[in-house]
């Protein structure tokens, strides 16, 4: 029984790449102390790595230390945003996902649903690779070694041949000048992703507001919808609501702004 539970626990973490302790307790239906003992054993086997806020999968799939270190940051806010954004995806949709940490949280909640998934992200693709309920298309191109995301001319050419219902993007910064990301090649690829979609959804936690990054992605009004957590200031809420459809994720319940 113990071995079977630990195998299920490891598979749960493998599919999600990162999982919090409360999430594991809920999924396994055992006590927190039992989960801690199981994780200790799995860590001794080099199968997982315990970190502040939860546990990372450390198995045989490609390691992306930069991506993994970012995944737990502001996890509760990203999780709330992801729950809200996932509700905007309908069964049967064709959805294009980029490689940001918040987008990854959205992807985790979409696993198991009947969807057509297109992605530039190797971590996201890994989530759906063994999911019999979805169809997966992986975009090729130059792979960023830090994030595992395909970008550049090859990726842009592939995306230009596609049409999707929804594109979900993460960003590194939001200022009055618009949305920003920290990689020039990535921004060009994300612009192609925006052009390919009937609807563009940006997911961003409140720490991104008032910040700029290396490359300007688009103006504030370019996406169709922005999903944020409830720590965004009222001033920013008013500014963004005037530009696009703003949705606030209130913890575990999601309520769109009026």
Protein backbone atom coordinates (compact mmCIF):
# COMPACT_ATOMS: atom_id res chain seq x y z
CA UNK A 1 0.00 0.00 0.00
CA UNK A 2 2.81 2.41 0.86
CA UNK A 3 4.67 1.66 -2.36
CA UNK A 4 1.52 2.07 -4.43
CA UNK A 5 0.74 5.41 -2.78
CA UNK A 6 4.27 6.69 -3.37
CA UNK A 7 4.09 5.66 -7.01
CA UNK A 8 0.83 7.56 -7.39
CA UNK A 9 2.35 10.53 -5.60
CA UNK A 10 5.38 10.53 -7.88
CA UNK A 11 3.20 10.31 -10.99
CA UNK A 12 1.10 13.22 -9.72
CA UNK A 13 4.22 15.36 -9.28
CA UNK A 14 5.68 14.19 -12.61
CA UNK A 15 2.62 15.28 -14.54
CA UNK A 16 2.57 18.70 -12.89
CA UNK A 17 6.34 19.27 -12.54
CA UNK A 18 5.63 21.26 -9.35
CA UNK A 19 3.05 20.57 -6.63
CA UNK A 20 2.34 22.23 -3.31
CA UNK A 21 1.95 20.29 -0.06
CA UNK A 22 -1.78 21.09 0.32
CA UNK A 23 -2.36 19.98 -3.26
CA UNK A 24 -0.67 16.64 -2.55
CA UNK A 25 -2.65 16.12 0.67
CA UNK A 26 -5.89 16.71 -1.22
CA UNK A 27 -4.93 14.49 -4.16
CA UNK A 28 -3.66 11.56 -2.05
CA UNK A 29 -6.31 11.84 0.69
CA UNK A 30 -3.77 11.25 3.46
CA UNK A 31 -2.31 13.38 6.26
CA UNK A 32 0.33 16.03 5.77
CA UNK A 33 2.78 14.03 7.91
CA UNK A 34 2.33 11.02 5.62
CA UNK A 35 2.99 13.14 2.56
CA UNK A 36 6.14 14.54 4.17
CA UNK A 37 7.43 11.04 4.89
CA UNK A 38 6.68 9.91 1.34
CA UNK A 39 8.43 12.96 -0.13
CA UNK A 40 11.46 12.36 2.07
CA UNK A 41 11.72 8.83 0.71
CA UNK A 42 11.24 9.94 -2.89
CA UNK A 43 13.87 12.63 -2.46
CA UNK A 44 16.36 10.04 -1.22
CA UNK A 45 15.72 8.20 -4.48
CA UNK A 46 16.40 11.44 -6.44
CA UNK A 47 12.87 11.30 -7.85
CA UNK A 48 11.74 14.65 -6.44
CA UNK A 49 13.28 17.76 -4.94
CA UNK A 50 11.62 19.45 -1.97
CA UNK A 51 11.69 23.24 -2.02
CA UNK A 52 9.94 26.05 -0.20
CA UNK A 53 6.27 25.88 -1.10
CA UNK A 54 6.18 22.35 -2.44
CA UNK A 55 8.06 19.76 -4.46
CA UNK A 56 9.59 19.57 -7.95
CA UNK A 57 9.83 16.52 -10.16
CA UNK A 58 13.46 15.44 -10.56
CA UNK A 59 13.07 12.41 -12.81
CA UNK A 60 14.45 11.61 -16.22
CA UNK A 61 12.72 14.30 -18.28
CA UNK A 62 14.86 17.30 -19.36
CA UNK A 63 15.76 19.61 -16.47
CA UNK A 64 15.20 23.35 -16.83
CA UNK A 65 16.61 24.86 -13.62
CA UNK A 66 15.63 28.45 -14.45
CA UNK A 67 12.03 27.49 -15.22
CA UNK A 68 11.82 25.24 -12.17
CA UNK A 69 13.13 27.95 -9.85
CA UNK A 70 10.46 30.38 -11.08
CA UNK A 71 7.52 27.97 -10.93
CA UNK A 72 6.88 28.18 -7.15
CA UNK A 73 7.17 32.00 -6.99
CA UNK A 74 3.80 33.60 -6.12
CA UNK A 75 2.28 30.17 -6.63
CA UNK A 76 -1.01 30.93 -4.87
CA UNK A 77 -1.66 33.97 -7.09
CA UNK A 78 -0.71 32.08 -10.24
CA UNK A 79 -2.90 29.16 -9.24
CA UNK A 80 -5.91 31.45 -8.72
CA UNK A 81 -5.29 33.09 -12.10
CA UNK A 82 -4.94 29.68 -13.74
CA UNK A 83 -8.22 28.41 -12.28
CA UNK A 84 -9.95 31.45 -13.71
CA UNK A 85 -8.28 31.24 -17.13
CA UNK A 86 -8.92 27.49 -17.44
CA UNK A 87 -12.65 28.15 -17.10
CA UNK A 88 -12.43 30.30 -20.24
CA UNK A 89 -11.29 27.28 -22.27
CA UNK A 90 -14.18 25.14 -23.50
CA UNK A 91 -14.01 21.44 -24.28
CA UNK A 92 -13.16 21.01 -27.96
CA UNK A 93 -11.28 24.31 -28.15
CA UNK A 94 -7.99 24.68 -29.98
CA UNK A 95 -5.71 26.54 -27.58
CA UNK A 96 -2.17 27.84 -28.13
CA UNK A 97 -0.05 28.05 -24.96
CA UNK A 98 3.27 29.81 -24.47
CA UNK A 99 5.94 28.91 -21.91
CA UNK A 100 5.48 31.28 -18.99
CA UNK A 101 5.16 29.96 -15.44
CA UNK A 102 1.57 31.24 -15.12
CA UNK A 103 0.62 29.71 -18.47
CA UNK A 104 2.10 26.45 -17.21
CA UNK A 105 -0.32 26.56 -14.28
CA UNK A 106 -3.17 27.00 -16.77
CA UNK A 107 -1.90 24.01 -18.74
CA UNK A 108 -1.83 21.82 -15.62
CA UNK A 109 -5.54 22.43 -15.12
CA UNK A 110 -6.34 21.57 -18.75
CA UNK A 111 -4.77 18.11 -18.68
CA UNK A 112 -7.41 15.42 -19.15
CA UNK A 113 -9.86 17.63 -21.01
CA UNK A 114 -10.81 17.04 -24.69
CA UNK A 115 -8.80 19.83 -26.32
CA UNK A 116 -6.55 20.53 -29.29
CA UNK A 117 -3.39 21.86 -27.63
CA UNK A 118 -0.67 23.72 -29.52
CA UNK A 119 2.39 24.89 -27.59
CA UNK A 120 5.85 26.34 -27.96
CA UNK A 121 6.82 25.04 -24.50
CA UNK A 122 8.56 21.75 -23.82
CA UNK A 123 7.36 21.69 -20.16
CA UNK A 124 3.78 22.24 -21.32
CA UNK A 125 4.13 19.63 -24.07
CA UNK A 126 5.39 17.15 -21.46
CA UNK A 127 2.14 17.57 -19.53
CA UNK A 128 0.02 16.56 -22.52
CA UNK A 129 2.33 14.02 -24.17
CA UNK A 130 0.67 11.06 -22.41
CA UNK A 131 -2.81 12.60 -22.20
CA UNK A 132 -5.10 10.47 -24.36
CA UNK A 133 -7.90 13.01 -24.04
CA UNK A 134 -6.18 15.78 -25.99
CA UNK A 135 -4.48 16.26 -29.35
CA UNK A 136 -1.02 17.83 -29.06
CA UNK A 137 0.95 19.88 -31.58
CA UNK A 138 4.43 21.03 -30.55
CA UNK A 139 5.92 24.07 -32.29
CA UNK A 140 9.58 23.72 -33.25
CA UNK A 141 12.35 26.27 -33.55
CA UNK A 142 15.28 27.55 -31.52
CA UNK A 143 14.84 26.22 -27.98
CA UNK A 144 15.67 28.60 -25.16
CA UNK A 145 17.77 26.52 -22.70
CA UNK A 146 16.48 28.44 -19.68
CA UNK A 147 12.75 28.07 -20.34
CA UNK A 148 12.45 25.21 -22.83
CA UNK A 149 10.42 27.43 -25.20
CA UNK A 150 10.67 27.34 -29.01
CA UNK A 151 11.16 30.74 -30.61
CA UNK A 152 12.56 32.42 -33.68
CA UNK A 153 11.81 32.28 -37.43
CA UNK A 154 11.05 28.55 -37.62
CA UNK A 155 8.53 28.78 -34.78
CA UNK A 156 6.96 31.89 -36.31
CA UNK A 157 6.62 30.18 -39.70
CA UNK A 158 4.90 27.15 -38.17
CA UNK A 159 2.53 29.33 -36.16
CA UNK A 160 1.65 31.42 -39.21
CA UNK A 161 0.20 28.29 -40.83
CA UNK A 162 -2.19 27.67 -37.92
CA UNK A 163 -5.47 29.10 -36.70
CA UNK A 164 -6.52 28.65 -33.08
CA UNK A 165 -9.48 29.71 -30.99
CA UNK A 166 -7.51 31.04 -28.04
CA UNK A 167 -3.91 31.97 -27.32
CA UNK A 168 -2.80 32.16 -23.68
CA UNK A 169 0.33 34.22 -22.95
CA UNK A 170 2.41 35.14 -19.92
CA UNK A 171 4.34 38.42 -19.74
CA UNK A 172 7.29 39.73 -17.73
CA UNK A 173 6.05 43.28 -17.27
CA UNK A 174 3.10 45.64 -17.72
CA UNK A 175 3.46 49.42 -17.88
CA UNK A 176 1.51 52.28 -19.40
CA UNK A 177 3.42 51.59 -22.62
CA UNK A 178 2.03 48.08 -22.85
CA UNK A 179 3.06 44.45 -22.27
CA UNK A 180 6.72 43.36 -22.14
CA UNK A 181 8.80 40.21 -22.16
CA UNK A 182 12.48 39.65 -21.55
CA UNK A 183 13.55 38.04 -24.83
CA UNK A 184 13.54 39.64 -28.28
CA UNK A 185 13.04 36.35 -30.16
CA UNK A 186 10.28 35.33 -27.77
CA UNK A 187 8.38 38.57 -28.33
CA UNK A 188 8.39 38.10 -32.11
CA UNK A 189 7.11 34.55 -31.68
CA UNK A 190 4.40 35.69 -29.26
CA UNK A 191 3.23 38.29 -31.77
CA UNK A 192 2.76 35.44 -34.27
CA UNK A 193 0.80 33.57 -31.60
CA UNK A 194 -1.47 36.58 -31.14
CA UNK A 195 -2.12 36.85 -34.89
CA UNK A 196 -3.04 33.15 -35.06
CA UNK A 197 -5.83 33.42 -32.47
CA UNK A 198 -9.45 34.50 -32.48
CA UNK A 199 -8.99 35.53 -28.85
CA UNK A 200 -5.81 36.44 -26.94
CA UNK A 201 -5.75 35.93 -23.17
CA UNK A 202 -2.87 37.31 -21.10
CA UNK A 203 -2.33 35.85 -17.62
CA UNK A 204 -0.20 37.92 -15.24
CA UNK A 205 0.15 38.19 -11.48
CA UNK A 206 0.14 41.56 -9.72
CA UNK A 207 3.95 41.70 -9.37
CA UNK A 208 4.22 42.33 -13.14
CA UNK A 209 2.43 45.70 -13.00
CA UNK A 210 4.45 48.90 -13.17
CA UNK A 211 7.41 47.01 -14.65
CA UNK A 212 9.05 46.97 -18.04
CA UNK A 213 11.32 44.36 -19.53
CA UNK A 214 13.73 44.16 -22.47
CA UNK A 215 11.26 43.84 -25.34
CA UNK A 216 7.91 45.51 -25.95
CA UNK A 217 5.27 42.96 -26.95
CA UNK A 218 2.18 45.05 -27.65
CA UNK A 219 -0.02 47.93 -26.51
CA UNK A 220 -2.30 47.56 -23.50
CA UNK A 221 -5.41 47.20 -25.66
CA UNK A 222 -3.99 44.58 -28.05
CA UNK A 223 -5.04 41.41 -26.16
CA UNK A 224 -8.72 40.63 -25.76
CA UNK A 225 -8.63 39.64 -22.09
CA UNK A 226 -6.33 39.98 -19.08
CA UNK A 227 -6.58 37.70 -16.03
CA UNK A 228 -4.90 38.95 -12.84
CA UNK A 229 -4.98 38.24 -9.10
CA UNK A 230 -6.83 40.40 -6.60
CA UNK A 231 -3.69 42.15 -5.33
CA UNK A 232 -3.61 44.45 -8.36
CA UNK A 233 -4.10 48.06 -7.26
CA UNK A 234 -7.38 49.83 -7.95
CA UNK A 235 -5.58 52.34 -10.16
CA UNK A 236 -4.27 49.56 -12.38
CA UNK A 237 -7.64 47.84 -12.41
CA UNK A 238 -9.30 51.00 -13.72
CA UNK A 239 -6.55 51.60 -16.28
CA UNK A 240 -6.70 48.06 -17.65
CA UNK A 241 -10.50 47.79 -17.61
CA UNK A 242 -10.61 50.80 -19.94
CA UNK A 243 -8.40 48.97 -22.46
CA UNK A 244 -9.62 45.36 -22.50
CA UNK A 245 -11.74 42.76 -20.74
CA UNK A 246 -10.22 42.57 -17.24
CA UNK A 247 -10.93 39.53 -15.04
CA UNK A 248 -9.87 39.40 -11.40
CA UNK A 249 -9.15 35.99 -9.83
CA UNK A 250 -10.27 36.19 -6.20
CA UNK A 251 -8.39 33.39 -4.50
CA UNK A 252 -10.17 30.10 -5.10
CA UNK A 253 -13.23 31.77 -6.60
CA UNK A 254 -13.06 33.81 -9.78
CA UNK A 255 -15.22 36.85 -10.37
CA UNK A 256 -14.95 39.16 -13.40
CA UNK A 257 -14.90 42.87 -12.75
CA UNK A 258 -18.00 44.81 -13.60
